[in-house]
Amino acid sequence: MRGAAVHIGELAKRTGASPRSLRYYEQQGLLRARRTEAGWREYDEEAVIRVRNVRELLRAGMTVDDIRQVADCLGAAESPDCDRNDEAVELHEARLKVIDARMAALQRQRDHLTRRIARLRASRPDTLSGGRP
């Protein structure tokens, strides 16, 4: 491990990730920790960059499985910025297609609901007279 070691609480504070998320990232192979003799997790300074990159990719809509494919690039200051750049671009483009398809499906659902609401409103008795039929 490079640099000064930080414990999980400090890493959480510096990255905005919860300790639970950090343990999950470790379990998923996105983050590595060293264990002290007392069993405490210790992370190197690169872990700060890795966690920030994981969080950025998750915010962008990537899945943990997606991120795992470029895990060896997560330590770069600009994630994922390493010799696998072409693969990273393809991964991002594939995820964008999935998001676009979801958005199109949501738009179809929205349109359907809008039409149903219009039909329901049109079939309602006139309530402007103040009385109920």
N, C-alpha and C. Protein backbone atom coordinates (compact mmCIF):
# COMPACT_ATOMS: atom_id res chain seq x y z
N MET A 1 0.84 -1.18 0.00
CA MET A 1 0.00 0.00 0.00
C MET A 1 0.88 1.23 0.00
N ARG A 2 0.47 2.22 -0.78
CA ARG A 2 1.26 3.43 -0.89
C ARG A 2 0.72 4.52 0.01
N GLY A 3 1.60 5.41 0.47
CA GLY A 3 1.17 6.57 1.24
C GLY A 3 0.72 6.21 2.64
N ALA A 4 0.24 7.24 3.34
CA ALA A 4 -0.23 7.05 4.70
C ALA A 4 -1.53 6.26 4.70
N ALA A 5 -1.64 5.37 5.65
CA ALA A 5 -2.84 4.55 5.76
C ALA A 5 -3.96 5.33 6.44
N VAL A 6 -5.18 5.12 5.96
CA VAL A 6 -6.35 5.72 6.59
C VAL A 6 -7.33 4.61 6.94
N HIS A 7 -8.05 4.82 8.00
CA HIS A 7 -9.06 3.85 8.43
C HIS A 7 -10.38 4.16 7.75
N ILE A 8 -11.32 3.25 7.87
CA ILE A 8 -12.58 3.34 7.14
C ILE A 8 -13.35 4.63 7.45
N GLY A 9 -13.34 5.06 8.70
CA GLY A 9 -14.05 6.29 9.06
C GLY A 9 -13.48 7.51 8.37
N GLU A 10 -12.15 7.57 8.32
CA GLU A 10 -11.48 8.69 7.65
C GLU A 10 -11.73 8.65 6.15
N LEU A 11 -11.68 7.45 5.57
CA LEU A 11 -11.94 7.31 4.13
C LEU A 11 -13.38 7.73 3.82
N ALA A 12 -14.30 7.35 4.68
CA ALA A 12 -15.70 7.75 4.49
C ALA A 12 -15.83 9.26 4.54
N LYS A 13 -15.19 9.88 5.50
CA LYS A 13 -15.26 11.34 5.64
C LYS A 13 -14.67 12.04 4.41
N ARG A 14 -13.56 11.54 3.92
CA ARG A 14 -12.87 12.19 2.80
C ARG A 14 -13.56 11.98 1.46
N THR A 15 -14.38 10.95 1.35
CA THR A 15 -15.00 10.63 0.06
C THR A 15 -16.50 10.85 0.03
N GLY A 16 -17.13 10.96 1.18
CA GLY A 16 -18.58 11.09 1.23
C GLY A 16 -19.31 9.76 1.15
N ALA A 17 -18.58 8.68 1.07
CA ALA A 17 -19.18 7.34 1.03
C ALA A 17 -19.38 6.85 2.46
N SER A 18 -20.42 6.10 2.68
CA SER A 18 -20.64 5.54 4.02
C SER A 18 -19.68 4.37 4.24
N PRO A 19 -19.36 4.07 5.50
CA PRO A 19 -18.54 2.88 5.77
C PRO A 19 -19.16 1.62 5.18
N ARG A 20 -20.47 1.53 5.22
CA ARG A 20 -21.15 0.36 4.64
C ARG A 20 -20.88 0.27 3.14
N SER A 21 -20.94 1.41 2.44
CA SER A 21 -20.63 1.41 1.00
C SER A 21 -19.19 1.00 0.76
N LEU A 22 -18.28 1.49 1.58
CA LEU A 22 -16.87 1.14 1.42
C LEU A 22 -16.65 -0.36 1.58
N ARG A 23 -17.31 -0.95 2.57
CA ARG A 23 -17.20 -2.40 2.74
C ARG A 23 -17.78 -3.13 1.53
N TYR A 24 -18.88 -2.61 0.99
CA TYR A 24 -19.49 -3.20 -0.21
C TYR A 24 -18.54 -3.09 -1.41
N TYR A 25 -17.94 -1.93 -1.60
CA TYR A 25 -16.99 -1.76 -2.71
C TYR A 25 -15.84 -2.76 -2.58
N GLU A 26 -15.38 -2.96 -1.36
CA GLU A 26 -14.31 -3.93 -1.12
C GLU A 26 -14.79 -5.34 -1.46
N GLN A 27 -15.98 -5.68 -1.02
CA GLN A 27 -16.54 -7.00 -1.28
C GLN A 27 -16.68 -7.24 -2.79
N GLN A 28 -16.97 -6.20 -3.54
CA GLN A 28 -17.17 -6.30 -4.98
C GLN A 28 -15.87 -6.21 -5.78
N GLY A 29 -14.75 -6.07 -5.10
CA GLY A 29 -13.45 -6.03 -5.78
C GLY A 29 -13.09 -4.67 -6.34
N LEU A 30 -13.78 -3.61 -5.91
CA LEU A 30 -13.50 -2.27 -6.40
C LEU A 30 -12.53 -1.51 -5.51
N LEU A 31 -12.29 -2.02 -4.34
CA LEU A 31 -11.46 -1.36 -3.34
C LEU A 31 -10.71 -2.43 -2.57
N ARG A 32 -9.48 -2.12 -2.21
CA ARG A 32 -8.67 -3.06 -1.44
C ARG A 32 -8.27 -2.44 -0.10
N ALA A 33 -8.31 -3.26 0.92
CA ALA A 33 -7.90 -2.82 2.25
C ALA A 33 -6.91 -3.82 2.81
N ARG A 34 -6.04 -3.30 3.64
CA ARG A 34 -5.13 -4.14 4.40
C ARG A 34 -5.72 -4.24 5.79
N ARG A 35 -5.54 -5.37 6.43
CA ARG A 35 -6.05 -5.56 7.80
C ARG A 35 -4.90 -5.44 8.79
N THR A 36 -5.13 -4.70 9.84
CA THR A 36 -4.14 -4.61 10.92
C THR A 36 -4.24 -5.87 11.76
N GLU A 37 -3.32 -6.04 12.69
CA GLU A 37 -3.36 -7.19 13.58
C GLU A 37 -4.65 -7.21 14.39
N ALA A 38 -5.20 -6.03 14.64
CA ALA A 38 -6.44 -5.93 15.41
C ALA A 38 -7.68 -6.12 14.51
N GLY A 39 -7.45 -6.29 13.22
CA GLY A 39 -8.56 -6.53 12.31
C GLY A 39 -9.15 -5.28 11.67
N TRP A 40 -8.56 -4.11 11.94
CA TRP A 40 -9.05 -2.86 11.35
C TRP A 40 -8.65 -2.78 9.89
N ARG A 41 -9.53 -2.23 9.09
CA ARG A 41 -9.20 -1.99 7.68
C ARG A 41 -8.33 -0.74 7.58
N GLU A 42 -7.30 -0.84 6.73
CA GLU A 42 -6.46 0.31 6.42
C GLU A 42 -6.41 0.46 4.91
N TYR A 43 -6.56 1.69 4.46
CA TYR A 43 -6.55 2.00 3.04
C TYR A 43 -5.40 2.94 2.75
N ASP A 44 -4.85 2.83 1.54
CA ASP A 44 -3.81 3.78 1.15
C ASP A 44 -4.46 5.02 0.54
N GLU A 45 -3.65 6.00 0.22
CA GLU A 45 -4.15 7.26 -0.33
C GLU A 45 -4.85 7.06 -1.68
N GLU A 46 -4.44 6.07 -2.45
CA GLU A 46 -5.10 5.81 -3.72
C GLU A 46 -6.56 5.44 -3.54
N ALA A 47 -6.89 4.89 -2.37
CA ALA A 47 -8.27 4.50 -2.10
C ALA A 47 -9.21 5.69 -2.17
N VAL A 48 -8.73 6.86 -1.79
CA VAL A 48 -9.55 8.07 -1.86
C VAL A 48 -9.95 8.32 -3.31
N ILE A 49 -9.00 8.24 -4.21
CA ILE A 49 -9.28 8.44 -5.64
C ILE A 49 -10.19 7.34 -6.16
N ARG A 50 -9.90 6.10 -5.79
CA ARG A 50 -10.72 4.97 -6.25
C ARG A 50 -12.18 5.14 -5.83
N VAL A 51 -12.41 5.48 -4.58
CA VAL A 51 -13.78 5.63 -4.08
C VAL A 51 -14.47 6.79 -4.78
N ARG A 52 -13.79 7.90 -4.93
CA ARG A 52 -14.39 9.04 -5.63
C ARG A 52 -14.75 8.66 -7.06
N ASN A 53 -13.89 7.89 -7.72
CA ASN A 53 -14.18 7.45 -9.09
C ASN A 53 -15.35 6.48 -9.14
N VAL A 54 -15.41 5.55 -8.19
CA VAL A 54 -16.53 4.62 -8.13
C VAL A 54 -17.83 5.40 -7.97
N ARG A 55 -17.85 6.33 -7.05
CA ARG A 55 -19.06 7.12 -6.80
C ARG A 55 -19.46 7.95 -8.03
N GLU A 56 -18.49 8.50 -8.71
CA GLU A 56 -18.78 9.27 -9.93
C GLU A 56 -19.38 8.37 -11.01
N LEU A 57 -18.82 7.20 -11.18
CA LEU A 57 -19.34 6.27 -12.18
C LEU A 57 -20.75 5.79 -11.82
N LEU A 58 -21.00 5.55 -10.55
CA LEU A 58 -22.34 5.16 -10.12
C LEU A 58 -23.34 6.28 -10.38
N ARG A 59 -22.93 7.53 -10.09
CA ARG A 59 -23.81 8.67 -10.37
C ARG A 59 -24.09 8.80 -11.86
N ALA A 60 -23.15 8.39 -12.69
CA ALA A 60 -23.32 8.48 -14.14
C ALA A 60 -24.21 7.36 -14.68
N GLY A 61 -24.63 6.44 -13.82
CA GLY A 61 -25.53 5.38 -14.25
C GLY A 61 -24.87 4.04 -14.47
N MET A 62 -23.59 3.95 -14.22
CA MET A 62 -22.89 2.68 -14.38
C MET A 62 -23.28 1.74 -13.23
N THR A 63 -23.23 0.46 -13.49
CA THR A 63 -23.51 -0.53 -12.45
C THR A 63 -22.19 -0.98 -11.84
N VAL A 64 -22.28 -1.66 -10.72
CA VAL A 64 -21.08 -2.22 -10.09
C VAL A 64 -20.41 -3.20 -11.04
N ASP A 65 -21.21 -3.99 -11.76
CA ASP A 65 -20.63 -4.93 -12.73
C ASP A 65 -19.88 -4.17 -13.82
N ASP A 66 -20.44 -3.06 -14.29
CA ASP A 66 -19.74 -2.24 -15.29
C ASP A 66 -18.41 -1.76 -14.73
N ILE A 67 -18.46 -1.22 -13.54
CA ILE A 67 -17.26 -0.62 -12.93
C ILE A 67 -16.20 -1.69 -12.68
N ARG A 68 -16.64 -2.88 -12.31
CA ARG A 68 -15.69 -3.96 -12.07
C ARG A 68 -14.85 -4.24 -13.32
N GLN A 69 -15.42 -4.03 -14.50
CA GLN A 69 -14.68 -4.29 -15.74
C GLN A 69 -13.50 -3.33 -15.94
N VAL A 70 -13.57 -2.17 -15.31
CA VAL A 70 -12.46 -1.20 -15.42
C VAL A 70 -11.84 -0.92 -14.05
N ALA A 71 -11.97 -1.88 -13.13
CA ALA A 71 -11.50 -1.69 -11.76
C ALA A 71 -10.02 -1.35 -11.67
N ASP A 72 -9.23 -1.91 -12.58
CA ASP A 72 -7.80 -1.62 -12.52
C ASP A 72 -7.48 -0.18 -12.92
N CYS A 73 -8.45 0.54 -13.45
CA CYS A 73 -8.25 1.94 -13.86
C CYS A 73 -8.77 2.93 -12.82
N LEU A 74 -9.37 2.47 -11.77
CA LEU A 74 -10.03 3.36 -10.81
C LEU A 74 -9.07 4.23 -10.02
N GLY A 75 -7.81 3.87 -9.97
CA GLY A 75 -6.83 4.66 -9.22
C GLY A 75 -6.33 5.86 -9.97
N ALA A 76 -6.73 6.00 -11.23
CA ALA A 76 -6.29 7.14 -12.03
C ALA A 76 -7.07 8.38 -11.61
N ALA A 77 -6.43 9.52 -11.70
CA ALA A 77 -7.07 10.78 -11.30
C ALA A 77 -8.32 11.05 -12.13
N GLU A 78 -8.31 10.69 -13.39
CA GLU A 78 -9.48 10.82 -14.26
C GLU A 78 -9.96 9.42 -14.58
N SER A 79 -11.05 9.00 -13.97
CA SER A 79 -11.52 7.62 -14.12
C SER A 79 -12.40 7.45 -15.32
N PRO A 80 -12.38 6.30 -15.97
CA PRO A 80 -11.23 5.40 -15.99
C PRO A 80 -10.27 5.85 -17.08
N ASP A 81 -9.13 6.28 -16.70
CA ASP A 81 -8.15 6.85 -17.60
C ASP A 81 -6.88 6.00 -17.53
N CYS A 82 -6.84 4.99 -18.36
CA CYS A 82 -5.68 4.13 -18.40
C CYS A 82 -5.55 3.55 -19.79
N ASP A 83 -4.75 2.55 -19.95
CA ASP A 83 -4.52 1.99 -21.28
C ASP A 83 -5.74 1.24 -21.83
N ARG A 84 -6.80 1.15 -21.07
CA ARG A 84 -8.02 0.47 -21.51
C ARG A 84 -9.09 1.49 -21.90
N ASN A 85 -8.68 2.66 -22.36
CA ASN A 85 -9.60 3.74 -22.66
C ASN A 85 -10.67 3.34 -23.68
N ASP A 86 -10.29 2.61 -24.74
CA ASP A 86 -11.27 2.19 -25.75
C ASP A 86 -12.36 1.32 -25.12
N GLU A 87 -11.94 0.41 -24.26
CA GLU A 87 -12.90 -0.45 -23.57
C GLU A 87 -13.82 0.38 -22.67
N ALA A 88 -13.26 1.38 -22.02
CA ALA A 88 -14.05 2.25 -21.14
C ALA A 88 -15.09 3.02 -21.96
N VAL A 89 -14.70 3.52 -23.12
CA VAL A 89 -15.64 4.25 -23.97
C VAL A 89 -16.78 3.32 -24.40
N GLU A 90 -16.44 2.12 -24.82
CA GLU A 90 -17.46 1.14 -25.23
C GLU A 90 -18.40 0.82 -24.07
N LEU A 91 -17.86 0.69 -22.89
CA LEU A 91 -18.65 0.40 -21.71
C LEU A 91 -19.63 1.54 -21.42
N HIS A 92 -19.14 2.77 -21.49
CA HIS A 92 -20.00 3.94 -21.28
C HIS A 92 -21.08 4.03 -22.34
N GLU A 93 -20.72 3.78 -23.58
CA GLU A 93 -21.71 3.83 -24.66
C GLU A 93 -22.78 2.76 -24.49
N ALA A 94 -22.38 1.58 -24.08
CA ALA A 94 -23.35 0.50 -23.85
C ALA A 94 -24.31 0.88 -22.73
N ARG A 95 -23.79 1.45 -21.66
CA ARG A 95 -24.65 1.85 -20.54
C ARG A 95 -25.59 2.97 -20.97
N LEU A 96 -25.10 3.89 -21.81
CA LEU A 96 -25.94 4.98 -22.31
C LEU A 96 -27.10 4.43 -23.13
N LYS A 97 -26.86 3.40 -23.92
CA LYS A 97 -27.94 2.77 -24.70
C LYS A 97 -28.99 2.18 -23.78
N VAL A 98 -28.57 1.57 -22.69
CA VAL A 98 -29.51 1.00 -21.73
C VAL A 98 -30.36 2.12 -21.12
N ILE A 99 -29.72 3.20 -20.73
CA ILE A 99 -30.43 4.33 -20.13
C ILE A 99 -31.40 4.94 -21.15
N ASP A 100 -30.96 5.10 -22.40
CA ASP A 100 -31.84 5.63 -23.45
C ASP A 100 -33.06 4.75 -23.64
N ALA A 101 -32.87 3.44 -23.61
CA ALA A 101 -34.00 2.51 -23.77
C ALA A 101 -34.96 2.64 -22.58
N ARG A 102 -34.42 2.78 -21.38
CA ARG A 102 -35.28 2.96 -20.20
C ARG A 102 -36.06 4.26 -20.30
N MET A 103 -35.38 5.32 -20.75
CA MET A 103 -36.05 6.61 -20.89
C MET A 103 -37.17 6.53 -21.92
N ALA A 104 -36.94 5.84 -23.01
CA ALA A 104 -37.97 5.68 -24.03
C ALA A 104 -39.15 4.91 -23.47
N ALA A 105 -38.88 3.87 -22.70
CA ALA A 105 -39.96 3.10 -22.09
C ALA A 105 -40.75 3.95 -21.09
N LEU A 106 -40.05 4.74 -20.31
CA LEU A 106 -40.72 5.63 -19.37
C LEU A 106 -41.56 6.67 -20.10
N GLN A 107 -41.06 7.18 -21.22
CA GLN A 107 -41.82 8.15 -22.00
C GLN A 107 -43.11 7.52 -22.53
N ARG A 108 -43.01 6.27 -23.00
CA ARG A 108 -44.21 5.56 -23.47
C ARG A 108 -45.22 5.39 -22.34
N GLN A 109 -44.73 5.03 -21.15
CA GLN A 109 -45.62 4.89 -20.00
C GLN A 109 -46.26 6.24 -19.64
N ARG A 110 -45.47 7.29 -19.68
CA ARG A 110 -45.98 8.62 -19.37
C ARG A 110 -47.07 9.01 -20.37
N ASP A 111 -46.80 8.80 -21.64
CA ASP A 111 -47.79 9.12 -22.68
C ASP A 111 -49.08 8.34 -22.46
N HIS A 112 -48.94 7.06 -22.13
CA HIS A 112 -50.11 6.22 -21.89
C HIS A 112 -50.92 6.76 -20.71
N LEU A 113 -50.25 7.09 -19.62
CA LEU A 113 -50.94 7.63 -18.46
C LEU A 113 -51.61 8.97 -18.77
N THR A 114 -50.93 9.81 -19.53
CA THR A 114 -51.50 11.10 -19.91
C THR A 114 -52.79 10.91 -20.69
N ARG A 115 -52.79 9.96 -21.63
CA ARG A 115 -54.00 9.68 -22.41
C ARG A 115 -55.11 9.13 -21.51
N ARG A 116 -54.77 8.25 -20.58
CA ARG A 116 -55.78 7.69 -19.67
C ARG A 116 -56.37 8.77 -18.79
N ILE A 117 -55.53 9.65 -18.27
CA ILE A 117 -56.03 10.75 -17.44
C ILE A 117 -56.99 11.62 -18.24
N ALA A 118 -56.62 11.94 -19.46
CA ALA A 118 -57.48 12.76 -20.31
C ALA A 118 -58.82 12.07 -20.54
N ARG A 119 -58.82 10.76 -20.81
CA ARG A 119 -60.07 10.02 -21.01
C ARG A 119 -60.91 9.99 -19.73
N LEU A 120 -60.25 9.76 -18.61
CA LEU A 120 -60.96 9.73 -17.33
C LEU A 120 -61.59 11.09 -17.01
N ARG A 121 -60.84 12.14 -17.24
CA ARG A 121 -61.38 13.47 -17.00
C ARG A 121 -62.54 13.78 -17.94
N ALA A 122 -62.42 13.37 -19.19
CA ALA A 122 -63.48 13.63 -20.17
C ALA A 122 -64.75 12.88 -19.84
N SER A 123 -64.64 11.73 -19.22
CA SER A 123 -65.82 10.92 -18.92
C SER A 123 -66.44 11.26 -17.56
N ARG A 124 -65.81 12.16 -16.82
CA ARG A 124 -66.32 12.57 -15.51
C ARG A 124 -67.53 13.48 -15.69
N PRO A 125 -68.53 13.32 -14.85
CA PRO A 125 -69.67 14.24 -14.91
C PRO A 125 -69.21 15.67 -14.60
N ASP A 126 -69.90 16.61 -15.16
CA ASP A 126 -69.55 18.02 -14.94
C ASP A 126 -69.72 18.36 -13.47
N THR A 127 -68.66 18.77 -12.83
CA THR A 127 -68.72 19.13 -11.41
C THR A 127 -68.67 20.63 -11.21
N LEU A 128 -68.71 21.40 -12.31
CA LEU A 128 -68.65 22.85 -12.20
C LEU A 128 -69.92 23.42 -11.57
N SER A 129 -71.02 22.71 -11.61
CA SER A 129 -72.28 23.22 -11.07
C SER A 129 -72.28 23.19 -9.56
N GLY A 130 -71.30 22.58 -8.97
CA GLY A 130 -71.17 22.58 -7.52
C GLY A 130 -71.86 21.41 -6.86
N GLY A 131 -72.67 20.68 -7.57
CA GLY A 131 -73.36 19.56 -6.96
C GLY A 131 -72.84 18.25 -7.49
N ARG A 132 -73.17 17.21 -6.79
CA ARG A 132 -72.78 15.86 -7.24
C ARG A 132 -73.98 15.24 -7.92
N PRO A 133 -73.77 14.53 -9.00
CA PRO A 133 -74.88 13.89 -9.70
C PRO A 133 -75.48 12.75 -8.90
